[in-house]
Amino acid sequence: MEKKQLLPSLDRSIDEIRRISGGSSDVLINRFVTGGIHCALLCCEGMVSTSVITELIFEPITDIPQQKDSHGLFHYINEELLLSTDRPQVEDYPTLFRLVNSGFAVLIAEGMTTGLAFGVQGYNTRGVQEPSGEGNIMGAHEGFTETIRTNMSQIRRRMKTPELVMELFIKGEKSSTDLCLCYMKDRVPKALTEKIRRSLEGIELEAILTTGYIRPFVENGSFELFSSTGTTERPDVLCSKLIEGRAAILVDGVPYAIIIPRLFCESFQTLDDYAYKPYYATFIRWLKYAAFLTAVLLPAFYAAIVMYHPELLNSTLFMLLVEAEKKAPLSIVTESLFALLMYEMIREAGVRLPKPTGGSCQHNQRTHYRRRGSKLGTGEHAAADHDSAGCTGRTGSSRAGAPDNGAAPCLPDSRGSAGTFRHKPPCLRGAGEHLRHRGLRLSLHSAHIAVQGQGHGGHGSPQRHKEAPEPRLHRGGIS
C-alpha cells in the first residue's frame, strides 16, 4: 500500500478509506458532530469491545463543549480527556488500517491531516492454558497464548526488574505482524542484540504466520545439523533463558517464543530438574542421554551384529532370527529402514490427520505389528498352535483313542471345514505359545515337560513317558 498522508477533507478522506478497503463490510465508519466539528470514528467489527468503546469513547466525545476549530478539538481531547492509555497518532492510511485492524478506534476530523487512535481491543482470544508439548510436575502450568500482549505480560509478571527490555517491531507487508525482542540489558551481549536487530530489519516478507518464517533470518547458517535457535511455549522457561543472557523473540499469533542462541544439551533439560535433589536430577539427565543414544544407534547396531557378528547373539534369539529370515523377501538393513520409515509415517499420521482418523490409524498399525511380531516369534508353527495332536475339541467330546490328560482344548482350523480339526506333529514352541495364550507363563523346558506328559511323544523313551507325572496347570506355570 502506498504511504499516503491523510486528506484534510473529511468526505474525501472517507472516500479514500472506502476505496482502499474495497468497501469491506467489517470496516465501520461512524460520522457525528462534536464541539461543532464534523468527525468520523473508524473501527473494525469484531475487533473492538462494544462496552469499552461506548463508555470510554462515545460518551466523553459527544459531551465536548463548542470548539473554534478541529485543532482546538484535538488539543482538548489530548489535554482534557483520558480516553485510553494507548493513544498513538495516525498520519497516513497504512498506519490507519494497521491500527483499525488491530482493534483500535481511529478519530478523524474535518480539516485535520492526522488522526487519534484509541486502544479498545475486544476480540476473542484463547485463555492461558497448560502447555501441551512441555509438561512438568512441579513447575508452573501456564503457557503462552496467541496474543503477544498477553505473552509480554506473563514475562513481565515473572521478571519485574527494569533491566528487562521489550522492543516491538512490525514486519510483514500484508500481515503487519507484531514482533517483540526480549532481553536483559545487563546480561545479554550487545553484539548479540545488534545482530538480531539487523536480522529483523532485513526481513522482507509479505506475511509472518509462524516462528518458522523468521528463524532462518536469525540462525547462524542455513546448513546446520542442529538448529542454533530453539522454541518454548512456557514463560518460566523463557525467563530462565533470559537470566542466562539469552535473547527471545515473540511473534503475534503464535504461542511459541524463539530463544537465541540454543545449545544441543538443552534438549535434555527441563525445569523440573531444578526441583529435584542433585543426584536424582543427574540420574534422570543421564538416562535421557542414554535413551537418545539408544534410539539413534540401536537399529544400526542390531543390523551390524546380525549381518557380520551373529555369534554375539543368544542361541535362542539366533535360531528365531534364522527361521524368520528363511522366507523374508528383504534384507536386515532394508527391513530396519522400512520399520523406521513406517514409524515416521504413523507418527505423522497421528499428528496431522483429524483425531478420530489419526487415532484409528495408529491403533490399526500397532495391532498389525503385534500380530506380525507374534508370527515371527513362533516361526511357521503359528497355524499349529491350537492344532496339537491328541487334544480335545471345543464340542466336549474326545477324539476316539486319544488320551484326555487335561490337555488344552483345540480350536477349529479356520481353513478347514466346520467342526473339523487338523492334527499335526506336536511342536515345542507351538505348545508353549498355546499355553501362553491361555494366560500361563511357561519356559521352553516346562513346555517340553507338558508335551511329554500329554503322551505326544518327544525325545524321551516310552518308559519315561509312563514315569513322567501328570502336569498340573495353574496361573504361575506348570508344577
Protein backbone atom coordinates (compact mmCIF):
# COMPACT_ATOMS: atom_id res chain seq x y z
CA MET A 1 0.00 0.00 0.00
CA GLU A 2 1.28 3.44 -0.90
CA LYS A 3 2.17 5.53 2.14
CA LYS A 4 -0.22 8.40 1.54
CA GLN A 5 -0.92 11.16 4.06
CA LEU A 6 -4.43 11.69 5.44
CA LEU A 7 -6.50 14.18 3.46
CA PRO A 8 -7.77 17.29 5.28
CA SER A 9 -11.25 16.99 3.75
CA LEU A 10 -13.37 14.55 5.78
CA ASP A 11 -15.53 13.49 2.80
CA ARG A 12 -12.53 12.85 0.54
CA SER A 13 -10.72 11.02 3.35
CA ILE A 14 -13.70 8.71 3.90
CA ASP A 15 -13.92 8.05 0.15
CA GLU A 16 -10.23 7.17 0.10
CA ILE A 17 -10.68 4.80 3.04
CA ARG A 18 -13.55 3.05 1.25
CA ARG A 19 -11.52 2.82 -1.93
CA ILE A 20 -8.51 1.27 -0.19
CA SER A 21 -10.65 -1.21 1.76
CA GLY A 22 -12.67 -2.11 -1.32
CA GLY A 23 -15.91 -1.44 0.51
CA SER A 24 -15.23 -4.18 3.08
CA SER A 25 -18.28 -4.69 5.26
CA ASP A 26 -16.32 -5.08 8.53
CA VAL A 27 -14.83 -1.55 8.32
CA LEU A 28 -17.27 0.63 10.26
CA ILE A 29 -17.38 4.40 9.65
CA ASN A 30 -19.49 6.41 12.12
CA ARG A 31 -19.94 10.10 11.32
CA PHE A 32 -21.01 12.55 14.03
CA VAL A 33 -20.62 16.17 15.14
CA THR A 34 -18.96 17.11 18.43
CA GLY A 35 -17.85 20.55 19.61
CA GLY A 36 -19.26 21.95 16.37
CA ILE A 37 -16.76 19.92 14.25
CA HIS A 38 -17.67 17.16 11.80
CA CYS A 39 -15.83 13.97 12.74
CA ALA A 40 -15.79 10.25 11.95
CA LEU A 41 -14.87 7.31 14.15
CA LEU A 42 -13.41 4.27 12.37
CA CYS A 43 -13.22 0.74 13.78
CA CYS A 44 -13.29 -2.87 12.64
CA GLU A 45 -16.26 -5.04 13.50
CA GLY A 46 -15.41 -7.86 15.88
CA MET A 47 -12.05 -6.34 16.86
CA VAL A 48 -13.28 -3.83 19.47
CA SER A 49 -15.17 -4.17 22.73
CA THR A 50 -18.62 -2.65 22.38
CA SER A 51 -18.94 -1.84 26.08
CA VAL A 52 -15.49 -0.26 26.30
CA ILE A 53 -15.89 1.89 23.20
CA THR A 54 -19.30 3.07 24.41
CA GLU A 55 -18.19 4.02 27.92
CA LEU A 56 -14.72 5.40 27.18
CA ILE A 57 -15.09 6.90 23.69
CA PHE A 58 -18.67 7.63 22.66
CA GLU A 59 -19.94 9.23 25.87
CA PRO A 60 -16.94 11.53 26.60
CA ILE A 61 -16.52 12.67 23.00
CA THR A 62 -20.17 13.58 22.50
CA ASP A 63 -20.07 15.82 25.63
CA ILE A 64 -17.20 18.02 24.39
CA PRO A 65 -18.07 21.76 24.52
CA GLN A 66 -18.02 24.05 21.49
CA GLN A 67 -14.55 24.44 19.91
CA LYS A 68 -13.15 27.03 17.49
CA ASP A 69 -11.71 24.55 15.00
CA SER A 70 -10.56 20.94 14.66
CA HIS A 71 -7.11 21.79 16.09
CA GLY A 72 -8.79 23.01 19.27
CA LEU A 73 -10.88 19.82 19.34
CA PHE A 74 -7.83 17.53 19.17
CA HIS A 75 -6.00 19.66 21.73
CA TYR A 76 -8.96 19.39 24.11
CA ILE A 77 -9.12 15.60 23.68
CA ASN A 78 -5.38 15.17 24.26
CA GLU A 79 -5.14 17.55 27.21
CA GLU A 80 -8.50 17.31 28.96
CA LEU A 81 -9.68 13.75 28.32
CA LEU A 82 -8.01 10.43 29.13
CA LEU A 83 -9.94 8.19 26.78
CA SER A 84 -7.37 5.41 26.54
CA THR A 85 -3.94 4.54 27.88
CA ASP A 86 -2.71 3.58 24.39
CA ARG A 87 -3.20 6.61 22.09
CA PRO A 88 -0.90 6.61 19.04
CA GLN A 89 -1.27 9.26 16.34
CA VAL A 90 -2.17 8.42 12.76
CA GLU A 91 -0.60 10.34 9.88
CA ASP A 92 -1.05 8.04 6.86
CA TYR A 93 -3.51 5.46 5.56
CA PRO A 94 -1.29 2.34 6.02
CA THR A 95 -0.92 3.18 9.72
CA LEU A 96 -4.64 3.88 9.96
CA PHE A 97 -5.58 0.46 8.56
CA ARG A 98 -2.98 -1.34 10.66
CA LEU A 99 -4.36 0.18 13.86
CA VAL A 100 -8.00 -0.31 12.87
CA ASN A 101 -7.36 -3.97 12.05
CA SER A 102 -5.54 -4.36 15.38
CA GLY A 103 -8.58 -3.34 17.43
CA PHE A 104 -8.08 0.43 17.68
CA ALA A 105 -10.72 3.09 17.15
CA VAL A 106 -9.43 5.98 14.99
CA LEU A 107 -10.90 9.50 15.15
CA ILE A 108 -10.53 11.80 12.13
CA ALA A 109 -11.93 15.32 11.85
CA GLU A 110 -12.63 17.91 9.19
CA GLY A 111 -9.51 19.97 8.39
CA MET A 112 -7.03 17.64 10.16
CA THR A 113 -4.29 15.69 8.42
CA THR A 114 -3.74 13.50 11.49
CA GLY A 115 -5.95 11.17 13.45
CA LEU A 116 -6.22 9.96 17.04
CA ALA A 117 -6.26 6.21 17.79
CA PHE A 118 -7.63 4.67 20.99
CA GLY A 119 -6.92 1.13 22.14
CA VAL A 120 -10.30 -0.54 22.72
CA GLN A 121 -9.46 -4.11 21.69
CA GLY A 122 -12.13 -6.66 22.45
CA TYR A 123 -11.61 -9.58 20.08
CA ASN A 124 -11.91 -13.14 21.35
CA THR A 125 -8.67 -14.87 22.31
CA ARG A 126 -7.67 -18.18 23.84
CA GLY A 127 -7.07 -18.02 27.56
CA VAL A 128 -3.89 -19.01 29.34
CA GLN A 129 -3.73 -22.80 29.46
CA GLU A 130 -1.26 -25.52 30.35
CA PRO A 131 1.32 -26.17 27.61
CA SER A 132 0.63 -29.30 25.60
CA GLY A 133 4.18 -30.04 24.47
CA GLU A 134 6.25 -29.18 27.56
CA GLY A 135 4.64 -30.84 30.53
CA ASN A 136 6.11 -30.66 34.02
CA ILE A 137 5.31 -31.82 37.54
CA MET A 138 6.49 -29.17 39.99
CA GLY A 139 6.66 -26.05 37.82
CA ALA A 140 4.06 -23.55 36.65
CA HIS A 141 1.21 -24.76 34.46
CA GLU A 142 0.87 -21.63 32.34
CA GLY A 143 1.76 -21.39 28.68
CA PHE A 144 1.95 -18.72 26.01
CA THR A 145 -1.13 -17.80 24.01
CA GLU A 146 -1.64 -16.37 20.53
CA THR A 147 -1.85 -12.77 21.80
CA ILE A 148 1.54 -11.09 22.00
CA ARG A 149 0.45 -8.57 24.66
CA THR A 150 -0.66 -11.40 26.95
CA ASN A 151 2.66 -13.15 26.44
CA MET A 152 4.56 -9.98 27.23
CA SER A 153 2.55 -9.55 30.44
CA GLN A 154 3.34 -13.13 31.51
CA ILE A 155 7.05 -12.46 31.14
CA ARG A 156 6.84 -9.10 32.92
CA ARG A 157 4.87 -10.65 35.78
CA ARG A 158 7.77 -13.03 36.44
CA MET A 159 10.56 -10.53 35.74
CA LYS A 160 9.68 -7.24 37.43
CA THR A 161 13.14 -5.76 37.03
CA PRO A 162 13.61 -2.66 34.86
CA GLU A 163 16.59 -4.42 33.27
CA LEU A 164 14.13 -6.44 31.16
CA VAL A 165 13.70 -4.68 27.80
CA MET A 166 10.97 -5.41 25.25
CA GLU A 167 11.27 -3.87 21.78
CA LEU A 168 8.40 -4.05 19.31
CA PHE A 169 8.84 -4.44 15.55
CA ILE A 170 6.21 -4.59 12.80
CA LYS A 171 7.08 -6.91 9.93
CA GLY A 172 5.16 -8.36 7.03
CA GLU A 173 3.96 -6.27 4.11
CA LYS A 174 0.46 -7.74 4.18
CA SER A 175 0.12 -9.16 7.69
CA SER A 176 1.82 -6.32 9.66
CA THR A 177 2.72 -8.80 12.38
CA ASP A 178 3.99 -7.57 15.73
CA LEU A 179 7.36 -8.97 16.83
CA CYS A 180 8.81 -8.43 20.29
CA LEU A 181 12.52 -8.71 21.10
CA CYS A 182 13.08 -9.51 24.81
CA TYR A 183 16.41 -9.43 26.62
CA MET A 184 18.11 -8.41 29.87
CA LYS A 185 20.16 -5.35 29.03
CA ASP A 186 22.68 -6.00 31.81
CA ARG A 187 23.39 -9.61 30.79
CA VAL A 188 22.97 -10.13 27.08
CA PRO A 189 25.98 -9.21 24.92
CA LYS A 190 25.42 -6.04 22.96
CA ALA A 191 26.79 -7.67 19.80
CA LEU A 192 24.03 -10.30 20.00
CA THR A 193 21.20 -7.75 20.23
CA GLU A 194 22.67 -5.71 17.37
CA LYS A 195 22.89 -8.82 15.21
CA ILE A 196 19.27 -9.74 15.96
CA ARG A 197 18.07 -6.22 15.17
CA ARG A 198 19.85 -6.24 11.83
CA SER A 199 18.35 -9.63 11.03
CA LEU A 200 14.83 -8.46 11.89
CA GLU A 201 15.20 -5.24 9.95
CA GLY A 202 16.32 -7.21 6.90
CA ILE A 203 13.17 -9.36 6.84
CA GLU A 204 11.14 -8.67 3.68
CA LEU A 205 8.13 -10.97 3.77
CA GLU A 206 4.51 -10.50 2.81
CA ALA A 207 3.26 -12.30 5.91
CA ILE A 208 4.62 -13.83 9.11
CA LEU A 209 2.28 -16.53 10.34
CA THR A 210 4.58 -18.67 12.49
CA THR A 211 8.05 -18.71 14.02
CA GLY A 212 9.41 -20.70 11.07
CA TYR A 213 9.12 -17.62 8.88
CA ILE A 214 11.78 -15.67 10.79
CA ARG A 215 14.02 -18.40 12.27
CA PRO A 216 16.13 -18.70 9.08
CA PHE A 217 16.94 -14.98 9.35
CA VAL A 218 18.28 -15.18 12.92
CA GLU A 219 20.13 -18.53 12.70
CA ASN A 220 23.88 -18.73 12.19
CA GLY A 221 23.76 -20.63 8.90
CA SER A 222 21.41 -22.46 6.59
CA PHE A 223 23.35 -25.79 6.63
CA GLU A 224 23.38 -26.87 10.26
CA LEU A 225 22.89 -30.34 11.67
CA PHE A 226 21.39 -28.88 14.85
CA SER A 227 19.50 -25.59 14.91
CA SER A 228 21.12 -22.66 16.69
CA THR A 229 17.71 -21.34 17.78
CA GLY A 230 15.13 -23.02 19.97
CA THR A 231 11.46 -22.61 20.83
CA THR A 232 9.45 -22.82 24.02
CA GLU A 233 5.83 -22.36 24.99
CA ARG A 234 6.48 -21.82 28.70
CA PRO A 235 7.04 -18.32 30.17
CA ASP A 236 9.08 -19.69 33.10
CA VAL A 237 11.49 -21.46 30.75
CA LEU A 238 11.88 -18.29 28.70
CA CYS A 239 12.61 -16.24 31.82
CA SER A 240 15.29 -18.72 32.89
CA LYS A 241 16.96 -18.31 29.48
CA LEU A 242 16.80 -14.53 29.71
CA ILE A 243 18.54 -14.66 33.08
CA GLU A 244 21.29 -16.75 31.47
CA GLY A 245 21.96 -13.95 28.97
CA ARG A 246 19.90 -15.17 26.01
CA ALA A 247 17.51 -13.18 23.83
CA ALA A 248 13.99 -14.12 22.79
CA ILE A 249 11.54 -13.16 20.05
CA LEU A 250 7.75 -13.26 20.46
CA VAL A 251 5.50 -13.41 17.39
CA ASP A 252 1.91 -12.23 17.48
CA GLY A 253 -0.47 -15.08 16.74
CA VAL A 254 1.97 -17.83 17.74
CA PRO A 255 2.06 -19.45 21.23
CA TYR A 256 5.81 -20.08 20.98
CA ALA A 257 8.87 -17.95 21.64
CA ILE A 258 12.19 -18.17 19.81
CA ILE A 259 15.27 -18.46 22.04
CA ILE A 260 18.62 -17.20 20.70
CA PRO A 261 21.07 -18.90 20.94
CA ARG A 262 20.28 -22.54 21.79
CA LEU A 263 22.57 -25.36 22.90
CA PHE A 264 22.13 -29.02 21.95
CA CYS A 265 22.27 -30.17 25.58
CA GLU A 266 19.17 -28.09 26.36
CA SER A 267 17.08 -30.70 24.55
CA PHE A 268 17.59 -32.96 27.58
CA GLN A 269 16.89 -30.32 30.24
CA THR A 270 13.61 -29.46 31.91
CA LEU A 271 12.65 -27.01 34.60
CA ASP A 272 11.78 -29.93 36.88
CA ASP A 273 15.48 -30.84 37.04
CA TYR A 274 16.00 -27.92 39.41
CA ALA A 275 13.19 -29.08 41.70
CA TYR A 276 14.78 -32.47 42.47
CA LYS A 277 17.79 -33.49 44.51
CA PRO A 278 21.05 -33.13 42.58
CA TYR A 279 21.80 -36.86 42.45
CA TYR A 280 18.33 -37.74 41.16
CA ALA A 281 18.33 -34.91 38.58
CA THR A 282 21.76 -36.09 37.40
CA PHE A 283 20.48 -39.65 37.07
CA ILE A 284 17.43 -38.53 35.06
CA ARG A 285 19.55 -36.42 32.74
CA TRP A 286 22.00 -39.24 32.05
CA LEU A 287 19.03 -41.53 31.46
CA LYS A 288 17.83 -39.13 28.77
CA TYR A 289 21.25 -39.19 27.13
CA ALA A 290 21.23 -42.99 27.17
CA ALA A 291 17.75 -43.10 25.66
CA PHE A 292 18.85 -40.72 22.89
CA LEU A 293 21.91 -42.80 22.03
CA THR A 294 19.86 -45.99 22.09
CA ALA A 295 17.24 -44.58 19.74
CA VAL A 296 19.89 -43.32 17.32
CA LEU A 297 22.35 -46.23 17.34
CA LEU A 298 20.29 -49.33 18.15
CA PRO A 299 18.91 -50.03 14.63
CA ALA A 300 22.35 -49.77 13.01
CA PHE A 301 23.96 -51.71 15.86
CA TYR A 302 21.40 -54.51 15.52
CA ALA A 303 21.79 -54.72 11.74
CA ALA A 304 25.61 -54.83 12.03
CA ILE A 305 25.53 -57.65 14.60
CA VAL A 306 23.02 -59.75 12.64
CA MET A 307 24.88 -59.36 9.36
CA TYR A 308 28.54 -59.52 10.41
CA HIS A 309 28.75 -60.80 14.00
CA PRO A 310 25.86 -63.23 14.61
CA GLU A 311 27.94 -65.15 17.14
CA LEU A 312 27.26 -62.33 19.63
CA LEU A 313 23.55 -63.20 19.74
CA ASN A 314 21.88 -65.53 22.18
CA SER A 315 21.37 -69.01 20.71
CA THR A 316 17.59 -68.91 21.10
CA LEU A 317 17.35 -65.46 19.54
CA PHE A 318 19.69 -66.53 16.77
CA MET A 319 17.56 -69.57 15.86
CA LEU A 320 14.40 -67.46 15.84
CA LEU A 321 16.04 -64.95 13.52
CA VAL A 322 17.28 -67.68 11.17
CA GLU A 323 13.83 -69.21 11.00
CA ALA A 324 12.19 -65.81 10.43
CA GLU A 325 14.66 -64.83 7.71
CA LYS A 326 14.21 -68.01 5.66
CA LYS A 327 11.30 -66.58 3.70
CA ALA A 328 11.96 -62.89 4.27
CA PRO A 329 11.95 -61.02 0.92
CA LEU A 330 14.14 -58.16 2.19
CA SER A 331 17.49 -57.85 3.89
CA ILE A 332 18.01 -56.84 7.50
CA VAL A 333 19.12 -53.32 6.56
CA THR A 334 16.13 -52.82 4.28
CA GLU A 335 13.76 -54.08 6.95
CA SER A 336 15.29 -51.73 9.52
CA LEU A 337 14.97 -48.72 7.22
CA PHE A 338 11.43 -49.73 6.33
CA ALA A 339 10.48 -50.03 10.01
CA LEU A 340 11.88 -46.55 10.75
CA LEU A 341 10.07 -45.12 7.73
CA MET A 342 6.79 -46.72 8.77
CA TYR A 343 7.20 -45.32 12.28
CA GLU A 344 7.62 -41.81 10.88
CA MET A 345 4.54 -42.30 8.71
CA ILE A 346 2.47 -43.44 11.69
CA ARG A 347 3.71 -40.53 13.81
CA GLU A 348 2.96 -38.00 11.07
CA ALA A 349 -0.47 -39.50 10.52
CA GLY A 350 -1.24 -39.32 14.23
CA VAL A 351 -0.23 -35.65 14.36
CA ARG A 352 -1.64 -34.30 11.08
CA LEU A 353 -4.79 -36.31 10.48
CA PRO A 354 -8.04 -35.49 12.32
CA LYS A 355 -8.10 -37.01 15.79
CA PRO A 356 -10.62 -39.82 15.08
CA THR A 357 -8.81 -40.83 11.88
CA GLY A 358 -5.31 -40.45 13.30
CA GLY A 359 -6.10 -42.47 16.43
CA SER A 360 -7.70 -45.26 14.39
CA CYS A 361 -4.68 -45.36 12.06
CA GLN A 362 -2.26 -45.67 14.96
CA HIS A 363 -4.35 -48.41 16.59
CA ASN A 364 -4.53 -50.45 13.39
CA GLN A 365 -0.78 -50.14 12.78
CA ARG A 366 0.05 -51.22 16.33
CA THR A 367 -2.27 -54.24 16.03
CA HIS A 368 -0.66 -55.20 12.71
CA TYR A 369 2.87 -55.08 14.12
CA ARG A 370 1.88 -57.05 17.24
CA ARG A 371 0.40 -59.81 15.10
CA ARG A 372 3.40 -59.81 12.76
CA GLY A 373 5.82 -59.98 15.68
CA SER A 374 3.91 -62.91 17.22
CA LYS A 375 4.08 -64.77 13.92
CA LEU A 376 7.81 -64.22 13.56
CA GLY A 377 8.38 -65.29 17.16
CA THR A 378 6.71 -68.68 16.61
CA GLY A 379 8.10 -69.42 13.14
CA GLU A 380 5.97 -71.40 10.75
CA HIS A 381 4.17 -73.15 13.60
CA ALA A 382 1.66 -70.37 14.29
CA ALA A 383 -1.01 -72.34 12.47
CA ALA A 384 -0.34 -75.37 14.68
CA ASP A 385 -0.68 -73.51 17.99
CA HIS A 386 -4.20 -74.79 18.51
CA ASP A 387 -3.93 -77.98 16.42
CA SER A 388 -1.71 -80.24 18.60
CA ALA A 389 -2.41 -83.96 18.04
CA GLY A 390 -4.48 -85.81 20.64
CA CYS A 391 -6.16 -82.77 22.19
CA THR A 392 -9.83 -82.27 22.94
CA GLY A 393 -12.24 -80.31 20.77
CA ARG A 394 -14.47 -77.46 21.89
CA THR A 395 -17.57 -79.64 21.47
CA GLY A 396 -16.81 -81.52 24.69
CA SER A 397 -16.35 -84.95 23.08
CA SER A 398 -12.89 -86.51 22.98
CA ARG A 399 -11.34 -87.93 19.89
CA ALA A 400 -11.55 -91.74 19.80
CA GLY A 401 -8.41 -93.38 21.10
CA ALA A 402 -6.84 -90.15 22.27
CA PRO A 403 -5.98 -89.83 25.94
CA ASP A 404 -7.58 -87.00 27.88
CA ASN A 405 -4.97 -85.81 30.38
CA GLY A 406 -6.22 -82.31 30.96
CA ALA A 407 -4.85 -81.13 27.64
CA ALA A 408 -5.87 -77.72 26.38
CA PRO A 409 -8.83 -77.76 24.01
CA CYS A 410 -8.16 -77.36 20.32
CA LEU A 411 -9.61 -74.59 18.20
CA PRO A 412 -11.15 -75.38 14.82
CA ASP A 413 -8.89 -74.62 11.90
CA SER A 414 -10.35 -71.64 10.09
CA ARG A 415 -9.04 -73.01 6.81
CA GLY A 416 -10.79 -76.38 7.21
CA SER A 417 -14.40 -77.40 7.19
CA ALA A 418 -16.65 -76.53 10.10
CA GLY A 419 -16.21 -78.75 13.15
CA THR A 420 -13.08 -80.49 11.85
CA PHE A 421 -9.57 -80.33 13.27
CA ARG A 422 -6.21 -80.64 11.70
CA HIS A 423 -3.70 -82.71 13.68
CA LYS A 424 -0.01 -82.14 13.15
CA PRO A 425 3.03 -83.43 15.00
CA PRO A 426 3.41 -81.54 18.27
CA CYS A 427 5.79 -78.60 18.31
CA LEU A 428 7.61 -77.40 21.34
CA ARG A 429 7.20 -73.73 20.61
CA GLY A 430 3.66 -74.21 19.34
CA ALA A 431 2.61 -75.88 22.59
CA GLY A 432 4.34 -73.24 24.65
CA GLU A 433 2.66 -70.48 22.64
CA HIS A 434 -0.73 -72.17 23.01
CA LEU A 435 -0.38 -72.32 26.78
CA ARG A 436 0.81 -68.76 26.93
CA HIS A 437 -2.32 -67.71 25.04
CA ARG A 438 -4.27 -69.21 27.95
CA GLY A 439 -2.51 -66.86 30.37
CA LEU A 440 0.18 -69.27 31.60
CA ARG A 441 3.81 -68.21 31.78
CA LEU A 442 5.97 -71.11 30.64
CA SER A 443 9.60 -71.61 29.84
CA LEU A 444 10.62 -73.79 26.92
CA HIS A 445 11.69 -76.54 29.31
CA SER A 446 8.33 -76.52 31.10
CA ALA A 447 6.52 -76.65 27.78
CA HIS A 448 8.65 -79.70 26.82
CA ILE A 449 7.59 -81.48 30.00
CA ALA A 450 3.94 -80.59 29.33
CA VAL A 451 4.11 -82.10 25.82
CA GLN A 452 5.73 -85.29 27.12
CA GLY A 453 3.14 -85.60 29.90
CA GLN A 454 0.34 -85.45 27.36
CA GLY A 455 1.71 -88.55 25.60
CA HIS A 456 2.51 -86.82 22.31
CA GLY A 457 5.99 -88.31 22.06
CA GLY A 458 9.17 -86.34 22.29
CA HIS A 459 12.80 -87.04 22.85
CA GLY A 460 12.30 -89.49 25.77
CA SER A 461 11.63 -93.23 25.71
CA PRO A 462 8.16 -94.85 26.29
CA GLN A 463 9.30 -95.87 29.76
CA ARG A 464 9.99 -92.22 30.58
CA HIS A 465 6.56 -91.32 29.32
CA LYS A 466 4.97 -93.70 31.79
CA GLU A 467 7.07 -92.46 34.68
CA ALA A 468 6.51 -88.79 33.92
CA PRO A 469 3.96 -87.35 36.33
CA GLU A 470 0.85 -85.72 35.02
CA PRO A 471 1.36 -81.97 34.80
CA ARG A 472 -0.85 -79.71 36.87
CA LEU A 473 -1.64 -76.29 35.42
CA HIS A 474 -2.02 -73.18 37.46
CA ARG A 475 -1.64 -69.44 36.85
CA GLY A 476 2.03 -69.43 37.81
CA GLY A 477 3.10 -72.15 35.38
CA ILE A 478 3.34 -75.97 35.47
CA SER A 479 4.21 -77.98 38.56
